[in-house]
Amino acid sequence: MSRLPIQFLLIPILALALFFVWDFSQRFVTNVRIDQAQKAYETKVANAEATRVALLAEKTRVASPEYAEEVARTKWRWAKDGETVVVAQVTPVAPTPVPVPQTLPPKPETTWWQELVNFLFGFYP
């Protein structure tokens, strides 16, 4: 029996198998990327929701009269009728001393013959 009919059947089957493997791998990679993007978007949504809840809590706190009184007392130094405001004087802090940079003594100059001896015999100070 000749190989020709077997080759006519085997080559298209192999080509289809390679195509299906390539297509499956591309679909798999695409699904992995979509899953990663979905997880990233879910974390962004969760962070945005947490920020929204925190901002709503801050909004209700700022809208309260207690907050207005606190700001008036601390920031603007206001007082109620009959109260005396005492503001502490801040004493200036002494500046930190700057360390004096130490200068290194200059390296002694070597003569040409000393450099030659150092080069030939490996004597390096």
PDB file of N, CA and C in Angstrom:
ATOM      1  N   MET A   1       0.831  -1.172   0.000  1.00  0.00           N
ATOM      2  CA  MET A   1       0.000   0.000   0.000  1.00  0.00           C
ATOM      3  C   MET A   1       0.879   1.240   0.000  1.00  0.00           C
ATOM      4  N   SER A   2       0.438   2.209  -0.711  1.00  0.00           N
ATOM      5  CA  SER A   2       1.205   3.431  -0.874  1.00  0.00           C
ATOM      6  C   SER A   2       0.984   4.367   0.327  1.00  0.00           C
ATOM      7  N   ARG A   3       1.946   5.228   0.559  1.00  0.00           N
ATOM      8  CA  ARG A   3       1.841   6.189   1.664  1.00  0.00           C
ATOM      9  C   ARG A   3       0.998   7.402   1.291  1.00  0.00           C
ATOM     10  N   LEU A   4       0.750   7.584   0.064  1.00  0.00           N
ATOM     11  CA  LEU A   4       0.079   8.787  -0.404  1.00  0.00           C
ATOM     12  C   LEU A   4      -1.321   8.967   0.197  1.00  0.00           C
ATOM     13  N   PRO A   5      -2.181   7.978   0.234  1.00  0.00           N
ATOM     14  CA  PRO A   5      -3.497   8.197   0.859  1.00  0.00           C
ATOM     15  C   PRO A   5      -3.389   8.498   2.357  1.00  0.00           C
ATOM     16  N   ILE A   6      -2.433   7.878   3.021  1.00  0.00           N
ATOM     17  CA  ILE A   6      -2.243   8.140   4.457  1.00  0.00           C
ATOM     18  C   ILE A   6      -1.785   9.577   4.664  1.00  0.00           C
ATOM     19  N   GLN A   7      -0.891  10.042   3.812  1.00  0.00           N
ATOM     20  CA  GLN A   7      -0.413  11.419   3.925  1.00  0.00           C
ATOM     21  C   GLN A   7      -1.531  12.407   3.626  1.00  0.00           C
ATOM     22  N   PHE A   8      -2.388  12.084   2.650  1.00  0.00           N
ATOM     23  CA  PHE A   8      -3.506  12.968   2.345  1.00  0.00           C
ATOM     24  C   PHE A   8      -4.471  13.082   3.527  1.00  0.00           C
ATOM     25  N   LEU A   9      -4.589  12.062   4.311  1.00  0.00           N
ATOM     26  CA  LEU A   9      -5.453  12.110   5.488  1.00  0.00           C
ATOM     27  C   LEU A   9      -4.735  12.705   6.704  1.00  0.00           C
ATOM     28  N   LEU A  10      -3.480  12.359   6.869  1.00  0.00           N
ATOM     29  CA  LEU A  10      -2.737  12.761   8.061  1.00  0.00           C
ATOM     30  C   LEU A  10      -2.404  14.253   8.074  1.00  0.00           C
ATOM     31  N   ILE A  11      -2.044  14.822   6.943  1.00  0.00           N
ATOM     32  CA  ILE A  11      -1.654  16.241   6.896  1.00  0.00           C
ATOM     33  C   ILE A  11      -2.833  17.150   7.257  1.00  0.00           C
ATOM     34  N   PRO A  12      -4.029  16.989   6.679  1.00  0.00           N
ATOM     35  CA  PRO A  12      -5.143  17.854   7.110  1.00  0.00           C
ATOM     36  C   PRO A  12      -5.538  17.635   8.570  1.00  0.00           C
ATOM     37  N   ILE A  13      -5.469  16.389   9.038  1.00  0.00           N
ATOM     38  CA  ILE A  13      -5.802  16.128  10.446  1.00  0.00           C
ATOM     39  C   ILE A  13      -4.795  16.819  11.362  1.00  0.00           C
ATOM     40  N   LEU A  14      -3.522  16.752  11.009  1.00  0.00           N
ATOM     41  CA  LEU A  14      -2.489  17.423  11.801  1.00  0.00           C
ATOM     42  C   LEU A  14      -2.662  18.940  11.754  1.00  0.00           C
ATOM     43  N   ALA A  15      -2.986  19.473  10.586  1.00  0.00           N
ATOM     44  CA  ALA A  15      -3.205  20.915  10.460  1.00  0.00           C
ATOM     45  C   ALA A  15      -4.398  21.353  11.303  1.00  0.00           C
ATOM     46  N   LEU A  16      -5.483  20.585  11.264  1.00  0.00           N
ATOM     47  CA  LEU A  16      -6.645  20.914  12.093  1.00  0.00           C
ATOM     48  C   LEU A  16      -6.316  20.820  13.581  1.00  0.00           C
ATOM     49  N   ALA A  17      -5.552  19.816  13.957  1.00  0.00           N
ATOM     50  CA  ALA A  17      -5.169  19.670  15.363  1.00  0.00           C
ATOM     51  C   ALA A  17      -4.325  20.858  15.814  1.00  0.00           C
ATOM     52  N   LEU A  18      -3.366  21.279  14.995  1.00  0.00           N
ATOM     53  CA  LEU A  18      -2.546  22.445  15.344  1.00  0.00           C
ATOM     54  C   LEU A  18      -3.403  23.705  15.432  1.00  0.00           C
ATOM     55  N   PHE A  19      -4.340  23.846  14.501  1.00  0.00           N
ATOM     56  CA  PHE A  19      -5.222  25.008  14.545  1.00  0.00           C
ATOM     57  C   PHE A  19      -6.045  25.020  15.828  1.00  0.00           C
ATOM     58  N   PHE A  20      -6.604  23.866  16.203  1.00  0.00           N
ATOM     59  CA  PHE A  20      -7.415  23.803  17.417  1.00  0.00           C
ATOM     60  C   PHE A  20      -6.579  24.067  18.669  1.00  0.00           C
ATOM     61  N   VAL A  21      -5.354  23.575  18.696  1.00  0.00           N
ATOM     62  CA  VAL A  21      -4.468  23.835  19.840  1.00  0.00           C
ATOM     63  C   VAL A  21      -4.152  25.319  19.929  1.00  0.00           C
ATOM     64  N   TRP A  22      -3.832  25.931  18.802  1.00  0.00           N
ATOM     65  CA  TRP A  22      -3.517  27.364  18.796  1.00  0.00           C
ATOM     66  C   TRP A  22      -4.742  28.179  19.208  1.00  0.00           C
ATOM     67  N   ASP A  23      -5.908  27.837  18.662  1.00  0.00           N
ATOM     68  CA  ASP A  23      -7.131  28.565  18.983  1.00  0.00           C
ATOM     69  C   ASP A  23      -7.476  28.416  20.466  1.00  0.00           C
ATOM     70  N   PHE A  24      -7.344  27.218  21.002  1.00  0.00           N
ATOM     71  CA  PHE A  24      -7.622  27.002  22.417  1.00  0.00           C
ATOM     72  C   PHE A  24      -6.660  27.801  23.293  1.00  0.00           C
ATOM     73  N   SER A  25      -5.390  27.834  22.919  1.00  0.00           N
ATOM     74  CA  SER A  25      -4.422  28.586  23.727  1.00  0.00           C
ATOM     75  C   SER A  25      -4.731  30.079  23.691  1.00  0.00           C
ATOM     76  N   GLN A  26      -5.136  30.590  22.524  1.00  0.00           N
ATOM     77  CA  GLN A  26      -5.485  32.004  22.436  1.00  0.00           C
ATOM     78  C   GLN A  26      -6.722  32.318  23.276  1.00  0.00           C
ATOM     79  N   ARG A  27      -7.694  31.445  23.238  1.00  0.00           N
ATOM     80  CA  ARG A  27      -8.897  31.652  24.050  1.00  0.00           C
ATOM     81  C   ARG A  27      -8.566  31.580  25.542  1.00  0.00           C
ATOM     82  N   PHE A  28      -7.685  30.676  25.904  1.00  0.00           N
ATOM     83  CA  PHE A  28      -7.282  30.548  27.305  1.00  0.00           C
ATOM     84  C   PHE A  28      -6.574  31.818  27.778  1.00  0.00           C
ATOM     85  N   VAL A  29      -5.639  32.320  26.975  1.00  0.00           N
ATOM     86  CA  VAL A  29      -4.909  33.540  27.342  1.00  0.00           C
ATOM     87  C   VAL A  29      -5.871  34.714  27.443  1.00  0.00           C
ATOM     88  N   THR A  30      -6.812  34.804  26.520  1.00  0.00           N
ATOM     89  CA  THR A  30      -7.792  35.889  26.556  1.00  0.00           C
ATOM     90  C   THR A  30      -8.650  35.803  27.817  1.00  0.00           C
ATOM     91  N   ASN A  31      -9.076  34.609  28.176  1.00  0.00           N
ATOM     92  CA  ASN A  31      -9.879  34.449  29.394  1.00  0.00           C
ATOM     93  C   ASN A  31      -9.090  34.798  30.646  1.00  0.00           C
ATOM     94  N   VAL A  32      -7.819  34.449  30.677  1.00  0.00           N
ATOM     95  CA  VAL A  32      -6.983  34.802  31.834  1.00  0.00           C
ATOM     96  C   VAL A  32      -6.866  36.315  31.947  1.00  0.00           C
ATOM     97  N   ARG A  33      -6.649  36.986  30.825  1.00  0.00           N
ATOM     98  CA  ARG A  33      -6.544  38.453  30.853  1.00  0.00           C
ATOM     99  C   ARG A  33      -7.859  39.094  31.276  1.00  0.00           C
ATOM    100  N   ILE A  34      -8.966  38.555  30.799  1.00  0.00           N
ATOM    101  CA  ILE A  34     -10.274  39.094  31.194  1.00  0.00           C
ATOM    102  C   ILE A  34     -10.498  38.896  32.690  1.00  0.00           C
ATOM    103  N   ASP A  35     -10.124  37.742  33.226  1.00  0.00           N
ATOM    104  CA  ASP A  35     -10.263  37.499  34.667  1.00  0.00           C
ATOM    105  C   ASP A  35      -9.403  38.463  35.480  1.00  0.00           C
ATOM    106  N   GLN A  36      -8.175  38.707  35.020  1.00  0.00           N
ATOM    107  CA  GLN A  36      -7.304  39.648  35.730  1.00  0.00           C
ATOM    108  C   GLN A  36      -7.892  41.055  35.697  1.00  0.00           C
ATOM    109  N   ALA A  37      -8.408  41.461  34.547  1.00  0.00           N
ATOM    110  CA  ALA A  37      -9.014  42.788  34.447  1.00  0.00           C
ATOM    111  C   ALA A  37     -10.250  42.881  35.335  1.00  0.00           C
ATOM    112  N   GLN A  38     -11.041  41.812  35.384  1.00  0.00           N
ATOM    113  CA  GLN A  38     -12.233  41.811  36.224  1.00  0.00           C
ATOM    114  C   GLN A  38     -11.855  41.945  37.698  1.00  0.00           C
ATOM    115  N   LYS A  39     -10.827  41.234  38.140  1.00  0.00           N
ATOM    116  CA  LYS A  39     -10.384  41.343  39.534  1.00  0.00           C
ATOM    117  C   LYS A  39      -9.874  42.748  39.838  1.00  0.00           C
ATOM    118  N   ALA A  40      -9.135  43.337  38.888  1.00  0.00           N
ATOM    119  CA  ALA A  40      -8.629  44.696  39.096  1.00  0.00           C
ATOM    120  C   ALA A  40      -9.787  45.684  39.211  1.00  0.00           C
ATOM    121  N   TYR A  41     -10.792  45.536  38.350  1.00  0.00           N
ATOM    122  CA  TYR A  41     -11.939  46.436  38.418  1.00  0.00           C
ATOM    123  C   TYR A  41     -12.752  46.217  39.689  1.00  0.00           C
ATOM    124  N   GLU A  42     -12.855  44.987  40.141  1.00  0.00           N
ATOM    125  CA  GLU A  42     -13.575  44.728  41.388  1.00  0.00           C
ATOM    126  C   GLU A  42     -12.871  45.372  42.576  1.00  0.00           C
ATOM    127  N   THR A  43     -11.538  45.333  42.599  1.00  0.00           N
ATOM    128  CA  THR A  43     -10.818  45.994  43.698  1.00  0.00           C
ATOM    129  C   THR A  43     -10.973  47.509  43.609  1.00  0.00           C
ATOM    130  N   LYS A  44     -10.978  48.053  42.379  1.00  0.00           N
ATOM    131  CA  LYS A  44     -11.190  49.497  42.237  1.00  0.00           C
ATOM    132  C   LYS A  44     -12.579  49.891  42.730  1.00  0.00           C
ATOM    133  N   VAL A  45     -13.572  49.081  42.400  1.00  0.00           N
ATOM    134  CA  VAL A  45     -14.937  49.371  42.849  1.00  0.00           C
ATOM    135  C   VAL A  45     -15.020  49.269  44.371  1.00  0.00           C
ATOM    136  N   ALA A  46     -14.371  48.279  44.956  1.00  0.00           N
ATOM    137  CA  ALA A  46     -14.389  48.136  46.417  1.00  0.00           C
ATOM    138  C   ALA A  46     -13.703  49.329  47.082  1.00  0.00           C
ATOM    139  N   ASN A  47     -12.581  49.775  46.520  1.00  0.00           N
ATOM    140  CA  ASN A  47     -11.897  50.950  47.072  1.00  0.00           C
ATOM    141  C   ASN A  47     -12.764  52.195  46.935  1.00  0.00           C
ATOM    142  N   ALA A  48     -13.424  52.343  45.783  1.00  0.00           N
ATOM    143  CA  ALA A  48     -14.290  53.506  45.586  1.00  0.00           C
ATOM    144  C   ALA A  48     -15.474  53.472  46.549  1.00  0.00           C
ATOM    145  N   GLU A  49     -16.013  52.301  46.789  1.00  0.00           N
ATOM    146  CA  GLU A  49     -17.130  52.173  47.733  1.00  0.00           C
ATOM    147  C   GLU A  49     -16.676  52.510  49.154  1.00  0.00           C
ATOM    148  N   ALA A  50     -15.491  52.052  49.538  1.00  0.00           N
ATOM    149  CA  ALA A  50     -14.973  52.379  50.871  1.00  0.00           C
ATOM    150  C   ALA A  50     -14.723  53.880  50.995  1.00  0.00           C
ATOM    151  N   THR A  51     -14.203  54.488  49.940  1.00  0.00           N
ATOM    152  CA  THR A  51     -13.984  55.937  49.951  1.00  0.00           C
ATOM    153  C   THR A  51     -15.310  56.676  50.058  1.00  0.00           C
ATOM    154  N   ARG A  52     -16.324  56.199  49.333  1.00  0.00           N
ATOM    155  CA  ARG A  52     -17.643  56.829  49.383  1.00  0.00           C
ATOM    156  C   ARG A  52     -18.231  56.753  50.787  1.00  0.00           C
ATOM    157  N   VAL A  53     -18.109  55.605  51.426  1.00  0.00           N
ATOM    158  CA  VAL A  53     -18.634  55.448  52.791  1.00  0.00           C
ATOM    159  C   VAL A  53     -17.889  56.378  53.752  1.00  0.00           C
ATOM    160  N   ALA A  54     -16.562  56.461  53.592  1.00  0.00           N
ATOM    161  CA  ALA A  54     -15.778  57.344  54.467  1.00  0.00           C
ATOM    162  C   ALA A  54     -16.154  58.806  54.244  1.00  0.00           C
ATOM    163  N   LEU A  55     -16.369  59.181  52.988  1.00  0.00           N
ATOM    164  CA  LEU A  55     -16.747  60.568  52.705  1.00  0.00           C
ATOM    165  C   LEU A  55     -18.146  60.890  53.230  1.00  0.00           C
ATOM    166  N   LEU A  56     -19.061  59.942  53.148  1.00  0.00           N
ATOM    167  CA  LEU A  56     -20.397  60.175  53.717  1.00  0.00           C
ATOM    168  C   LEU A  56     -20.325  60.336  55.232  1.00  0.00           C
ATOM    169  N   ALA A  57     -19.491  59.527  55.882  1.00  0.00           N
ATOM    170  CA  ALA A  57     -19.318  59.665  57.333  1.00  0.00           C
ATOM    171  C   ALA A  57     -18.699  61.018  57.671  1.00  0.00           C
ATOM    172  N   GLU A  58     -17.726  61.440  56.872  1.00  0.00           N
ATOM    173  CA  GLU A  58     -17.102  62.750  57.093  1.00  0.00           C
ATOM    174  C   GLU A  58     -18.114  63.870  56.861  1.00  0.00           C
ATOM    175  N   LYS A  59     -18.973  63.702  55.869  1.00  0.00           N
ATOM    176  CA  LYS A  59     -19.994  64.714  55.577  1.00  0.00           C
ATOM    177  C   LYS A  59     -20.960  64.863  56.743  1.00  0.00           C
ATOM    178  N   THR A  60     -21.398  63.743  57.314  1.00  0.00           N
ATOM    179  CA  THR A  60     -22.313  63.835  58.457  1.00  0.00           C
ATOM    180  C   THR A  60     -21.608  64.421  59.679  1.00  0.00           C
ATOM    181  N   ARG A  61     -20.322  64.124  59.845  1.00  0.00           N
ATOM    182  CA  ARG A  61     -19.582  64.690  60.979  1.00  0.00           C
ATOM    183  C   ARG A  61     -19.409  66.193  60.814  1.00  0.00           C
ATOM    184  N   VAL A  62     -19.102  66.634  59.596  1.00  0.00           N
ATOM    185  CA  VAL A  62     -18.878  68.058  59.353  1.00  0.00           C
ATOM    186  C   VAL A  62     -20.186  68.837  59.464  1.00  0.00           C
ATOM    187  N   ALA A  63     -21.298  68.210  59.126  1.00  0.00           N
ATOM    188  CA  ALA A  63     -22.590  68.899  59.179  1.00  0.00           C
ATOM    189  C   ALA A  63     -23.113  69.060  60.601  1.00  0.00           C
ATOM    190  N   SER A  64     -22.485  68.432  61.577  1.00  0.00           N
ATOM    191  CA  SER A  64     -22.991  68.498  62.950  1.00  0.00           C
ATOM    192  C   SER A  64     -22.570  69.804  63.620  1.00  0.00           C
ATOM    193  N   PRO A  65     -23.367  70.287  64.575  1.00  0.00           N
ATOM    194  CA  PRO A  65     -23.003  71.511  65.299  1.00  0.00           C
ATOM    195  C   PRO A  65     -21.765  71.325  66.181  1.00  0.00           C
ATOM    196  N   GLU A  66     -21.507  70.102  66.626  1.00  0.00           N
ATOM    197  CA  GLU A  66     -20.320  69.861  67.449  1.00  0.00           C
ATOM    198  C   GLU A  66     -19.045  70.145  66.653  1.00  0.00           C
ATOM    199  N   TYR A  67     -19.047  69.780  65.392  1.00  0.00           N
ATOM    200  CA  TYR A  67     -17.870  70.035  64.555  1.00  0.00           C
ATOM    201  C   TYR A  67     -17.671  71.536  64.367  1.00  0.00           C
ATOM    202  N   ALA A  68     -18.767  72.258  64.138  1.00  0.00           N
ATOM    203  CA  ALA A  68     -18.660  73.710  63.965  1.00  0.00           C
ATOM    204  C   ALA A  68     -18.094  74.355  65.226  1.00  0.00           C
ATOM    205  N   GLU A  69     -18.550  73.890  66.391  1.00  0.00           N
ATOM    206  CA  GLU A  69     -18.022  74.443  67.638  1.00  0.00           C
ATOM    207  C   GLU A  69     -16.545  74.084  67.812  1.00  0.00           C
ATOM    208  N   GLU A  70     -16.188  72.853  67.467  1.00  0.00           N
ATOM    209  CA  GLU A  70     -14.783  72.428  67.586  1.00  0.00           C
ATOM    210  C   GLU A  70     -13.870  73.268  66.693  1.00  0.00           C
ATOM    211  N   VAL A  71     -14.292  73.505  65.457  1.00  0.00           N
ATOM    212  CA  VAL A  71     -13.482  74.312  64.535  1.00  0.00           C
ATOM    213  C   VAL A  71     -13.392  75.743  65.030  1.00  0.00           C
ATOM    214  N   ALA A  72     -14.505  76.281  65.520  1.00  0.00           N
ATOM    215  CA  ALA A  72     -14.492  77.655  66.020  1.00  0.00           C
ATOM    216  C   ALA A  72     -13.554  77.794  67.209  1.00  0.00           C
ATOM    217  N   ARG A  73     -13.487  76.793  68.057  1.00  0.00           N
ATOM    218  CA  ARG A  73     -12.622  76.876  69.236  1.00  0.00           C
ATOM    219  C   ARG A  73     -11.148  76.637  68.891  1.00  0.00           C
ATOM    220  N   THR A  74     -10.867  75.651  68.046  1.00  0.00           N
ATOM    221  CA  THR A  74      -9.466  75.299  67.790  1.00  0.00           C
ATOM    222  C   THR A  74      -8.830  76.156  66.709  1.00  0.00           C
ATOM    223  N   LYS A  75      -9.522  76.322  65.588  1.00  0.00           N
ATOM    224  CA  LYS A  75      -8.910  77.029  64.468  1.00  0.00           C
ATOM    225  C   LYS A  75      -9.025  78.543  64.616  1.00  0.00           C
ATOM    226  N   TRP A  76     -10.205  79.013  64.958  1.00  0.00           N
ATOM    227  CA  TRP A  76     -10.424  80.455  65.004  1.00  0.00           C
ATOM    228  C   TRP A  76     -10.257  81.044  66.400  1.00  0.00           C
ATOM    229  N   ARG A  77     -10.067  80.224  67.415  1.00  0.00           N
ATOM    230  CA  ARG A  77      -9.858  80.658  68.806  1.00  0.00           C
ATOM    231  C   ARG A  77     -11.046  81.471  69.332  1.00  0.00           C
ATOM    232  N   TRP A  78     -12.232  81.051  68.968  1.00  0.00           N
ATOM    233  CA  TRP A  78     -13.423  81.713  69.473  1.00  0.00           C
ATOM    234  C   TRP A  78     -13.800  81.103  70.814  1.00  0.00           C
ATOM    235  N   ALA A  79     -14.556  81.864  71.582  1.00  0.00           N
ATOM    236  CA  ALA A  79     -15.018  81.374  72.878  1.00  0.00           C
ATOM    237  C   ALA A  79     -16.486  81.740  73.045  1.00  0.00           C
ATOM    238  N   LYS A  80     -17.146  81.023  73.937  1.00  0.00           N
ATOM    239  CA  LYS A  80     -18.535  81.348  74.254  1.00  0.00           C
ATOM    240  C   LYS A  80     -18.541  82.540  75.199  1.00  0.00           C
ATOM    241  N   ASP A  81     -19.715  83.121  75.344  1.00  0.00           N
ATOM    242  CA  ASP A  81     -19.833  84.250  76.264  1.00  0.00           C
ATOM    243  C   ASP A  81     -19.472  83.807  77.671  1.00  0.00           C
ATOM    244  N   GLY A  82     -18.621  84.578  78.319  1.00  0.00           N
ATOM    245  CA  GLY A  82     -18.215  84.283  79.680  1.00  0.00           C
ATOM    246  C   GLY A  82     -16.965  83.428  79.780  1.00  0.00           C
ATOM    247  N   GLU A  83     -16.443  82.923  78.677  1.00  0.00           N
ATOM    248  CA  GLU A  83     -15.228  82.111  78.706  1.00  0.00           C
ATOM    249  C   GLU A  83     -14.025  82.981  78.364  1.00  0.00           C
ATOM    250  N   THR A  84     -12.866  82.592  78.872  1.00  0.00           N
ATOM    251  CA  THR A  84     -11.626  83.297  78.580  1.00  0.00           C
ATOM    252  C   THR A  84     -10.743  82.393  77.732  1.00  0.00           C
ATOM    253  N   VAL A  85     -10.241  82.948  76.644  1.00  0.00           N
ATOM    254  CA  VAL A  85      -9.377  82.174  75.756  1.00  0.00           C
ATOM    255  C   VAL A  85      -7.937  82.360  76.198  1.00  0.00           C
ATOM    256  N   VAL A  86      -7.237  81.257  76.405  1.00  0.00           N
ATOM    257  CA  VAL A  86      -5.832  81.282  76.771  1.00  0.00           C
ATOM    258  C   VAL A  86      -5.052  80.647  75.624  1.00  0.00           C
ATOM    259  N   VAL A  87      -4.162  81.434  75.019  1.00  0.00           N
ATOM    260  CA  VAL A  87      -3.349  80.933  73.915  1.00  0.00           C
ATOM    261  C   VAL A  87      -1.924  80.800  74.422  1.00  0.00           C
ATOM    262  N   ALA A  88      -1.380  79.611  74.351  1.00  0.00           N
ATOM    263  CA  ALA A  88      -0.014  79.374  74.826  1.00  0.00           C
ATOM    264  C   ALA A  88       0.974  79.966  73.831  1.00  0.00           C
ATOM    265  N   GLN A  89       2.004  80.614  74.372  1.00  0.00           N
ATOM    266  CA  GLN A  89       3.052  81.173  73.524  1.00  0.00           C
ATOM    267  C   GLN A  89       4.026  80.068  73.150  1.00  0.00           C
ATOM    268  N   VAL A  90       4.353  80.022  71.918  1.00  0.00           N
ATOM    269  CA  VAL A  90       5.274  79.001  71.443  1.00  0.00           C
ATOM    270  C   VAL A  90       6.683  79.569  71.509  1.00  0.00           C
ATOM    271  N   THR A  91       7.547  78.883  72.241  1.00  0.00           N
ATOM    272  CA  THR A  91       8.932  79.332  72.319  1.00  0.00           C
ATOM    273  C   THR A  91       9.700  78.765  71.131  1.00  0.00           C
ATOM    274  N   PRO A  92      10.531  79.590  70.518  1.00  0.00           N
ATOM    275  CA  PRO A  92      11.271  79.087  69.359  1.00  0.00           C
ATOM    276  C   PRO A  92      12.309  78.046  69.775  1.00  0.00           C
ATOM    277  N   VAL A  93      12.486  77.084  68.952  1.00  0.00           N
ATOM    278  CA  VAL A  93      13.440  76.013  69.205  1.00  0.00           C
ATOM    279  C   VAL A  93      14.803  76.451  68.682  1.00  0.00           C
ATOM    280  N   ALA A  94      15.838  76.169  69.476  1.00  0.00           N
ATOM    281  CA  ALA A  94      17.193  76.520  69.044  1.00  0.00           C
ATOM    282  C   ALA A  94      17.553  75.707  67.803  1.00  0.00           C
ATOM    283  N   PRO A  95      18.222  76.346  66.849  1.00  0.00           N
ATOM    284  CA  PRO A  95      18.580  75.596  65.644  1.00  0.00           C
ATOM    285  C   PRO A  95      19.612  74.517  65.956  1.00  0.00           C
ATOM    286  N   THR A  96      19.525  73.453  65.229  1.00  0.00           N
ATOM    287  CA  THR A  96      20.480  72.365  65.426  1.00  0.00           C
ATOM    288  C   THR A  96      21.844  72.788  64.901  1.00  0.00           C
ATOM    289  N   PRO A  97      22.886  72.476  65.660  1.00  0.00           N
ATOM    290  CA  PRO A  97      24.217  72.865  65.193  1.00  0.00           C
ATOM    291  C   PRO A  97      24.605  72.075  63.944  1.00  0.00           C
ATOM    292  N   VAL A  98      25.244  72.777  63.049  1.00  0.00           N
ATOM    293  CA  VAL A  98      25.690  72.149  61.807  1.00  0.00           C
ATOM    294  C   VAL A  98      27.077  71.571  62.043  1.00  0.00           C
ATOM    295  N   PRO A  99      27.277  70.287  61.761  1.00  0.00           N
ATOM    296  CA  PRO A  99      28.609  69.714  61.967  1.00  0.00           C
ATOM    297  C   PRO A  99      29.618  70.322  60.992  1.00  0.00           C
ATOM    298  N   VAL A 100      30.799  70.564  61.528  1.00  0.00           N
ATOM    299  CA  VAL A 100      31.863  71.147  60.716  1.00  0.00           C
ATOM    300  C   VAL A 100      32.509  70.032  59.898  1.00  0.00           C
ATOM    301  N   PRO A 101      32.556  70.184  58.585  1.00  0.00           N
ATOM    302  CA  PRO A 101      33.180  69.127  57.787  1.00  0.00           C
ATOM    303  C   PRO A 101      34.684  69.084  58.028  1.00  0.00           C
ATOM    304  N   GLN A 102      35.194  67.891  58.187  1.00  0.00           N
ATOM    305  CA  GLN A 102      36.624  67.736  58.422  1.00  0.00           C
ATOM    306  C   GLN A 102      37.344  67.656  57.085  1.00  0.00           C
ATOM    307  N   THR A 103      38.438  68.369  57.015  1.00  0.00           N
ATOM    308  CA  THR A 103      39.229  68.330  55.788  1.00  0.00           C
ATOM    309  C   THR A 103      40.321  67.283  55.944  1.00  0.00           C
ATOM    310  N   LEU A 104      40.508  66.509  54.907  1.00  0.00           N
ATOM    311  CA  LEU A 104      41.545  65.489  54.929  1.00  0.00           C
ATOM    312  C   LEU A 104      42.889  66.120  54.586  1.00  0.00           C
ATOM    313  N   PRO A 105      43.951  65.657  55.237  1.00  0.00           N
ATOM    314  CA  PRO A 105      45.263  66.207  54.899  1.00  0.00           C
ATOM    315  C   PRO A 105      45.625  65.810  53.469  1.00  0.00           C
ATOM    316  N   PRO A 106      46.368  66.658  52.780  1.00  0.00           N
ATOM    317  CA  PRO A 106      46.720  66.336  51.397  1.00  0.00           C
ATOM    318  C   PRO A 106      47.627  65.108  51.339  1.00  0.00           C
ATOM    319  N   LYS A 107      47.481  64.346  50.287  1.00  0.00           N
ATOM    320  CA  LYS A 107      48.277  63.147  50.096  1.00  0.00           C
ATOM    321  C   LYS A 107      49.709  63.573  49.753  1.00  0.00           C
ATOM    322  N   PRO A 108      50.698  62.958  50.408  1.00  0.00           N
ATOM    323  CA  PRO A 108      52.075  63.370  50.111  1.00  0.00           C
ATOM    324  C   PRO A 108      52.435  63.030  48.663  1.00  0.00           C
ATOM    325  N   GLU A 109      53.139  63.939  48.053  1.00  0.00           N
ATOM    326  CA  GLU A 109      53.536  63.733  46.662  1.00  0.00           C
ATOM    327  C   GLU A 109      54.712  62.757  46.612  1.00  0.00           C
ATOM    328  N   THR A 110      54.671  61.879  45.638  1.00  0.00           N
ATOM    329  CA  THR A 110      55.756  60.919  45.468  1.00  0.00           C
ATOM    330  C   THR A 110      56.583  61.321  44.257  1.00  0.00           C
ATOM    331  N   THR A 111      57.842  60.975  44.344  1.00  0.00           N
ATOM    332  CA  THR A 111      58.740  61.304  43.229  1.00  0.00           C
ATOM    333  C   THR A 111      58.573  60.276  42.127  1.00  0.00           C
ATOM    334  N   TRP A 112      59.169  60.567  40.982  1.00  0.00           N
ATOM    335  CA  TRP A 112      59.003  59.684  39.820  1.00  0.00           C
ATOM    336  C   TRP A 112      59.657  58.331  40.059  1.00  0.00           C
ATOM    337  N   TRP A 113      60.787  58.332  40.784  1.00  0.00           N
ATOM    338  CA  TRP A 113      61.460  57.059  41.007  1.00  0.00           C
ATOM    339  C   TRP A 113      60.698  56.206  42.015  1.00  0.00           C
ATOM    340  N   GLN A 114      60.014  56.867  42.995  1.00  0.00           N
ATOM    341  CA  GLN A 114      59.202  56.119  43.950  1.00  0.00           C
ATOM    342  C   GLN A 114      57.994  55.487  43.244  1.00  0.00           C
ATOM    343  N   GLU A 115      57.389  56.219  42.310  1.00  0.00           N
ATOM    344  CA  GLU A 115      56.282  55.661  41.537  1.00  0.00           C
ATOM    345  C   GLU A 115      56.751  54.490  40.690  1.00  0.00           C
ATOM    346  N   LEU A 116      57.973  54.579  40.161  1.00  0.00           N
ATOM    347  CA  LEU A 116      58.519  53.485  39.360  1.00  0.00           C
ATOM    348  C   LEU A 116      58.738  52.246  40.231  1.00  0.00           C
ATOM    349  N   VAL A 117      59.279  52.431  41.438  1.00  0.00           N
ATOM    350  CA  VAL A 117      59.493  51.311  42.353  1.00  0.00           C
ATOM    351  C   VAL A 117      58.146  50.705  42.757  1.00  0.00           C
ATOM    352  N   ASN A 118      57.176  51.562  43.039  1.00  0.00           N
ATOM    353  CA  ASN A 118      55.841  51.067  43.405  1.00  0.00           C
ATOM    354  C   ASN A 118      55.227  50.271  42.262  1.00  0.00           C
ATOM    355  N   PHE A 119      55.395  50.745  41.041  1.00  0.00           N
ATOM    356  CA  PHE A 119      54.828  50.054  39.884  1.00  0.00           C
ATOM    357  C   PHE A 119      55.513  48.714  39.648  1.00  0.00           C
ATOM    358  N   LEU A 120      56.849  48.687  39.778  1.00  0.00           N
ATOM    359  CA  LEU A 120      57.585  47.466  39.475  1.00  0.00           C
ATOM    360  C   LEU A 120      57.433  46.407  40.566  1.00  0.00           C
ATOM    361  N   PHE A 121      57.442  46.814  41.821  1.00  0.00           N
ATOM    362  CA  PHE A 121      57.447  45.850  42.918  1.00  0.00           C
ATOM    363  C   PHE A 121      56.116  45.767  43.672  1.00  0.00           C
ATOM    364  N   GLY A 122      55.151  46.551  43.279  1.00  0.00           N
ATOM    365  CA  GLY A 122      53.830  46.460  43.892  1.00  0.00           C
ATOM    366  C   GLY A 122      53.745  47.066  45.271  1.00  0.00           C
ATOM    367  N   PHE A 123      54.592  48.013  45.610  1.00  0.00           N
ATOM    368  CA  PHE A 123      54.517  48.688  46.904  1.00  0.00           C
ATOM    369  C   PHE A 123      53.571  49.870  46.770  1.00  0.00           C
ATOM    370  N   TYR A 124      52.440  49.739  47.415  1.00  0.00           N
ATOM    371  CA  TYR A 124      51.500  50.861  47.401  1.00  0.00           C
ATOM    372  C   TYR A 124      51.199  51.246  48.835  1.00  0.00           C
ATOM    373  N   PRO A 125      51.388  52.499  49.148  1.00  0.00           N
ATOM    374  CA  PRO A 125      51.139  52.929  50.531  1.00  0.00           C
ATOM    375  C   PRO A 125      49.668  52.924  50.861  1.00  0.00           C
TER     376      PRO A 125
END
